[in-house]
Amino acid sequence: MAENYEGMAIGIFELDNLVACYVALDAASKAANVKIQGVERNRLKSGACVKMRGTVSDVNAAMEVALRTAEPLAQVVHHTVIASPTADTETAIKMTINK
């Protein structure tokens, strides 16, 4: 992924079901102007972690829709929004994409 996400908020959610992750990220990307940065499958379980980027307001709106969509389909393991990731956080996030 060669896109520059500098200065963008990041929303991360993890579900215990991979298919539910795709349903939730689809709903999120339709609800707000966010870009999906990555989907990381949990190799030990059947779930996955989704990272999406955009403005703080767009990421918050997308996260709300994603979680609402996912709740009847899967267990939400964790979710968070980081409004302004530091350079070190960006480096760590890049290290996990496509792993």
N, C-alpha and C. Protein backbone atom coordinates (compact mmCIF):
# COMPACT_ATOMS: atom_id res chain seq x y z
N MET A 1 0.82 -1.17 0.00
CA MET A 1 0.00 0.00 0.00
C MET A 1 0.87 1.24 0.00
N ALA A 2 0.81 2.00 -1.04
CA ALA A 2 1.70 3.15 -1.19
C ALA A 2 1.02 4.46 -0.80
N GLU A 3 -0.20 4.42 -0.31
CA GLU A 3 -0.90 5.65 0.02
C GLU A 3 -0.28 6.33 1.23
N ASN A 4 -0.38 7.65 1.23
CA ASN A 4 0.12 8.44 2.35
C ASN A 4 -1.04 8.74 3.28
N TYR A 5 -0.97 8.22 4.50
CA TYR A 5 -2.03 8.44 5.48
C TYR A 5 -1.62 9.46 6.54
N GLU A 6 -0.52 10.18 6.30
CA GLU A 6 0.00 11.14 7.27
C GLU A 6 -1.07 12.17 7.63
N GLY A 7 -1.24 12.39 8.91
CA GLY A 7 -2.21 13.37 9.39
C GLY A 7 -3.63 12.87 9.46
N MET A 8 -3.87 11.63 9.10
CA MET A 8 -5.21 11.07 9.12
C MET A 8 -5.44 10.29 10.40
N ALA A 9 -6.67 10.34 10.88
CA ALA A 9 -7.06 9.52 12.03
C ALA A 9 -7.10 8.06 11.59
N ILE A 10 -7.00 7.17 12.57
CA ILE A 10 -7.11 5.75 12.28
C ILE A 10 -8.15 5.13 13.20
N GLY A 11 -9.00 4.33 12.62
CA GLY A 11 -9.97 3.55 13.38
C GLY A 11 -9.62 2.09 13.23
N ILE A 12 -9.61 1.38 14.34
CA ILE A 12 -9.25 -0.04 14.32
C ILE A 12 -10.34 -0.81 15.05
N PHE A 13 -10.85 -1.85 14.42
CA PHE A 13 -11.77 -2.73 15.13
C PHE A 13 -11.41 -4.18 14.83
N GLU A 14 -11.64 -5.01 15.84
CA GLU A 14 -11.35 -6.44 15.71
C GLU A 14 -12.61 -7.21 16.05
N LEU A 15 -12.93 -8.15 15.19
CA LEU A 15 -14.09 -9.02 15.40
C LEU A 15 -13.62 -10.46 15.45
N ASP A 16 -14.44 -11.32 16.01
CA ASP A 16 -14.07 -12.73 16.11
C ASP A 16 -14.49 -13.54 14.88
N ASN A 17 -14.92 -12.85 13.81
CA ASN A 17 -15.40 -13.53 12.61
C ASN A 17 -14.94 -12.75 11.38
N LEU A 18 -14.18 -13.40 10.50
CA LEU A 18 -13.63 -12.73 9.32
C LEU A 18 -14.72 -12.22 8.38
N VAL A 19 -15.73 -13.02 8.14
CA VAL A 19 -16.79 -12.60 7.22
C VAL A 19 -17.51 -11.37 7.78
N ALA A 20 -17.76 -11.35 9.07
CA ALA A 20 -18.40 -10.19 9.69
C ALA A 20 -17.53 -8.93 9.54
N CYS A 21 -16.21 -9.11 9.56
CA CYS A 21 -15.31 -7.97 9.34
C CYS A 21 -15.54 -7.35 7.98
N TYR A 22 -15.70 -8.18 6.97
CA TYR A 22 -15.92 -7.65 5.61
C TYR A 22 -17.28 -6.97 5.50
N VAL A 23 -18.28 -7.53 6.14
CA VAL A 23 -19.61 -6.90 6.14
C VAL A 23 -19.53 -5.55 6.84
N ALA A 24 -18.86 -5.51 7.99
CA ALA A 24 -18.75 -4.27 8.75
C ALA A 24 -17.92 -3.21 8.03
N LEU A 25 -16.81 -3.62 7.41
CA LEU A 25 -15.99 -2.62 6.71
C LEU A 25 -16.69 -2.10 5.47
N ASP A 26 -17.50 -2.93 4.83
CA ASP A 26 -18.28 -2.46 3.69
C ASP A 26 -19.28 -1.39 4.13
N ALA A 27 -19.98 -1.66 5.22
CA ALA A 27 -20.94 -0.68 5.73
C ALA A 27 -20.23 0.60 6.16
N ALA A 28 -19.08 0.47 6.80
CA ALA A 28 -18.32 1.64 7.26
C ALA A 28 -17.88 2.50 6.09
N SER A 29 -17.37 1.86 5.04
CA SER A 29 -16.86 2.63 3.90
C SER A 29 -17.97 3.28 3.10
N LYS A 30 -19.18 2.75 3.21
CA LYS A 30 -20.33 3.38 2.55
C LYS A 30 -20.91 4.52 3.39
N ALA A 31 -20.69 4.47 4.69
CA ALA A 31 -21.29 5.45 5.60
C ALA A 31 -20.48 6.73 5.71
N ALA A 32 -19.19 6.67 5.47
CA ALA A 32 -18.34 7.84 5.65
C ALA A 32 -17.17 7.78 4.68
N ASN A 33 -16.48 8.89 4.54
CA ASN A 33 -15.36 8.98 3.61
C ASN A 33 -14.09 8.46 4.28
N VAL A 34 -13.98 7.13 4.33
CA VAL A 34 -12.80 6.49 4.91
C VAL A 34 -12.19 5.56 3.88
N LYS A 35 -10.89 5.30 4.06
CA LYS A 35 -10.18 4.34 3.23
C LYS A 35 -9.80 3.17 4.12
N ILE A 36 -9.99 1.98 3.62
CA ILE A 36 -9.59 0.80 4.37
C ILE A 36 -8.09 0.61 4.15
N GLN A 37 -7.32 0.71 5.23
CA GLN A 37 -5.86 0.58 5.12
C GLN A 37 -5.43 -0.88 5.17
N GLY A 38 -6.16 -1.70 5.87
CA GLY A 38 -5.75 -3.09 5.95
C GLY A 38 -6.75 -3.95 6.68
N VAL A 39 -6.73 -5.24 6.35
CA VAL A 39 -7.49 -6.25 7.06
C VAL A 39 -6.50 -7.35 7.41
N GLU A 40 -6.36 -7.60 8.68
CA GLU A 40 -5.40 -8.61 9.13
C GLU A 40 -6.13 -9.76 9.77
N ARG A 41 -6.00 -10.90 9.18
CA ARG A 41 -6.65 -12.10 9.72
C ARG A 41 -5.89 -12.59 10.94
N ASN A 42 -6.64 -12.97 11.96
CA ASN A 42 -6.06 -13.56 13.15
C ASN A 42 -5.76 -15.02 12.84
N ARG A 43 -4.51 -15.38 12.79
CA ARG A 43 -4.12 -16.73 12.39
C ARG A 43 -4.49 -17.79 13.41
N LEU A 44 -4.67 -17.40 14.66
CA LEU A 44 -5.00 -18.36 15.70
C LEU A 44 -6.50 -18.56 15.87
N LYS A 45 -7.27 -17.60 15.39
CA LYS A 45 -8.73 -17.66 15.51
C LYS A 45 -9.34 -17.31 14.16
N SER A 46 -10.64 -17.28 14.09
CA SER A 46 -11.30 -17.02 12.81
C SER A 46 -11.61 -15.55 12.58
N GLY A 47 -11.13 -14.67 13.44
CA GLY A 47 -11.45 -13.26 13.33
C GLY A 47 -10.43 -12.46 12.55
N ALA A 48 -10.61 -11.13 12.59
CA ALA A 48 -9.71 -10.24 11.87
C ALA A 48 -9.77 -8.85 12.48
N CYS A 49 -8.77 -8.05 12.12
CA CYS A 49 -8.65 -6.66 12.56
C CYS A 49 -8.68 -5.77 11.32
N VAL A 50 -9.48 -4.73 11.37
CA VAL A 50 -9.62 -3.80 10.26
C VAL A 50 -9.07 -2.44 10.67
N LYS A 51 -8.29 -1.82 9.78
CA LYS A 51 -7.78 -0.47 9.99
C LYS A 51 -8.34 0.42 8.89
N MET A 52 -8.96 1.52 9.31
CA MET A 52 -9.52 2.47 8.34
C MET A 52 -9.02 3.87 8.67
N ARG A 53 -8.87 4.68 7.64
CA ARG A 53 -8.28 6.02 7.79
C ARG A 53 -9.20 7.08 7.21
N GLY A 54 -9.10 8.28 7.77
CA GLY A 54 -9.86 9.43 7.30
C GLY A 54 -9.78 10.55 8.31
N THR A 55 -10.67 11.53 8.18
CA THR A 55 -10.74 12.59 9.18
C THR A 55 -11.30 11.98 10.47
N VAL A 56 -11.10 12.66 11.58
CA VAL A 56 -11.60 12.16 12.86
C VAL A 56 -13.11 11.94 12.79
N SER A 57 -13.84 12.91 12.25
CA SER A 57 -15.29 12.78 12.19
C SER A 57 -15.72 11.64 11.28
N ASP A 58 -15.06 11.46 10.15
CA ASP A 58 -15.40 10.35 9.25
C ASP A 58 -15.07 9.00 9.88
N VAL A 59 -13.91 8.90 10.53
CA VAL A 59 -13.53 7.64 11.18
C VAL A 59 -14.50 7.32 12.31
N ASN A 60 -14.88 8.31 13.10
CA ASN A 60 -15.85 8.07 14.18
C ASN A 60 -17.19 7.60 13.63
N ALA A 61 -17.66 8.24 12.56
CA ALA A 61 -18.94 7.85 11.96
C ALA A 61 -18.85 6.44 11.38
N ALA A 62 -17.76 6.15 10.68
CA ALA A 62 -17.58 4.83 10.10
C ALA A 62 -17.48 3.75 11.17
N MET A 63 -16.79 4.06 12.26
CA MET A 63 -16.65 3.10 13.36
C MET A 63 -18.01 2.78 13.97
N GLU A 64 -18.81 3.80 14.18
CA GLU A 64 -20.14 3.59 14.75
C GLU A 64 -20.97 2.65 13.88
N VAL A 65 -20.94 2.89 12.58
CA VAL A 65 -21.70 2.03 11.65
C VAL A 65 -21.13 0.62 11.60
N ALA A 66 -19.81 0.52 11.59
CA ALA A 66 -19.17 -0.80 11.55
C ALA A 66 -19.56 -1.64 12.76
N LEU A 67 -19.49 -1.04 13.93
CA LEU A 67 -19.82 -1.78 15.15
C LEU A 67 -21.30 -2.14 15.22
N ARG A 68 -22.14 -1.22 14.82
CA ARG A 68 -23.58 -1.50 14.81
C ARG A 68 -23.91 -2.63 13.83
N THR A 69 -23.24 -2.63 12.70
CA THR A 69 -23.45 -3.68 11.71
C THR A 69 -22.92 -5.03 12.19
N ALA A 70 -21.78 -5.01 12.88
CA ALA A 70 -21.13 -6.25 13.30
C ALA A 70 -21.80 -6.92 14.50
N GLU A 71 -22.40 -6.15 15.39
CA GLU A 71 -22.90 -6.70 16.64
C GLU A 71 -23.83 -7.90 16.50
N PRO A 72 -24.75 -7.94 15.52
CA PRO A 72 -25.59 -9.14 15.42
C PRO A 72 -24.85 -10.34 14.77
N LEU A 73 -23.70 -10.08 14.17
CA LEU A 73 -23.00 -11.11 13.40
C LEU A 73 -21.80 -11.72 14.13
N ALA A 74 -21.19 -10.96 15.02
CA ALA A 74 -19.93 -11.40 15.62
C ALA A 74 -19.71 -10.69 16.95
N GLN A 75 -18.73 -11.18 17.68
CA GLN A 75 -18.33 -10.51 18.91
C GLN A 75 -17.29 -9.44 18.57
N VAL A 76 -17.50 -8.25 19.08
CA VAL A 76 -16.52 -7.18 18.93
C VAL A 76 -15.44 -7.42 19.99
N VAL A 77 -14.24 -7.73 19.54
CA VAL A 77 -13.14 -8.01 20.45
C VAL A 77 -12.61 -6.70 21.03
N HIS A 78 -12.39 -5.72 20.17
CA HIS A 78 -11.89 -4.42 20.61
C HIS A 78 -12.08 -3.41 19.48
N HIS A 79 -12.12 -2.15 19.85
CA HIS A 79 -12.18 -1.07 18.85
C HIS A 79 -11.62 0.20 19.45
N THR A 80 -11.05 1.03 18.61
CA THR A 80 -10.52 2.32 19.06
C THR A 80 -10.36 3.27 17.88
N VAL A 81 -10.31 4.54 18.18
CA VAL A 81 -10.00 5.57 17.20
C VAL A 81 -8.83 6.37 17.76
N ILE A 82 -7.80 6.53 16.94
CA ILE A 82 -6.66 7.37 17.30
C ILE A 82 -6.74 8.60 16.40
N ALA A 83 -7.00 9.74 17.01
CA ALA A 83 -7.24 10.96 16.25
C ALA A 83 -6.00 11.46 15.51
N SER A 84 -4.85 11.33 16.14
CA SER A 84 -3.62 11.85 15.55
C SER A 84 -2.45 10.93 15.91
N PRO A 85 -2.27 9.86 15.14
CA PRO A 85 -1.20 8.91 15.45
C PRO A 85 0.19 9.57 15.36
N THR A 86 1.07 9.22 16.30
CA THR A 86 2.44 9.71 16.27
C THR A 86 3.21 9.02 15.16
N ALA A 87 4.38 9.52 14.85
CA ALA A 87 5.23 8.90 13.83
C ALA A 87 5.58 7.46 14.22
N ASP A 88 5.85 7.23 15.49
CA ASP A 88 6.16 5.87 15.95
C ASP A 88 4.96 4.94 15.79
N THR A 89 3.77 5.45 16.07
CA THR A 89 2.56 4.65 15.89
C THR A 89 2.38 4.32 14.41
N GLU A 90 2.61 5.29 13.54
CA GLU A 90 2.50 5.05 12.09
C GLU A 90 3.47 3.96 11.66
N THR A 91 4.69 4.00 12.17
CA THR A 91 5.68 2.97 11.83
C THR A 91 5.20 1.60 12.27
N ALA A 92 4.67 1.50 13.48
CA ALA A 92 4.18 0.22 13.98
C ALA A 92 3.00 -0.28 13.15
N ILE A 93 2.11 0.62 12.75
CA ILE A 93 0.96 0.22 11.94
C ILE A 93 1.42 -0.30 10.60
N LYS A 94 2.36 0.38 9.96
CA LYS A 94 2.88 -0.06 8.67
C LYS A 94 3.52 -1.44 8.77
N MET A 95 4.16 -1.73 9.90
CA MET A 95 4.81 -3.04 10.08
C MET A 95 3.80 -4.18 10.12
N THR A 96 2.56 -3.89 10.50
CA THR A 96 1.56 -4.97 10.63
C THR A 96 0.70 -5.15 9.40
N ILE A 97 0.71 -4.20 8.48
CA ILE A 97 -0.13 -4.32 7.28
C ILE A 97 0.34 -5.51 6.45
N ASN A 98 -0.62 -6.31 6.02
CA ASN A 98 -0.39 -7.49 5.18
C ASN A 98 0.49 -8.55 5.84
N LYS A 99 0.43 -8.66 7.15
CA LYS A 99 1.18 -9.70 7.85
C LYS A 99 0.26 -10.79 8.28
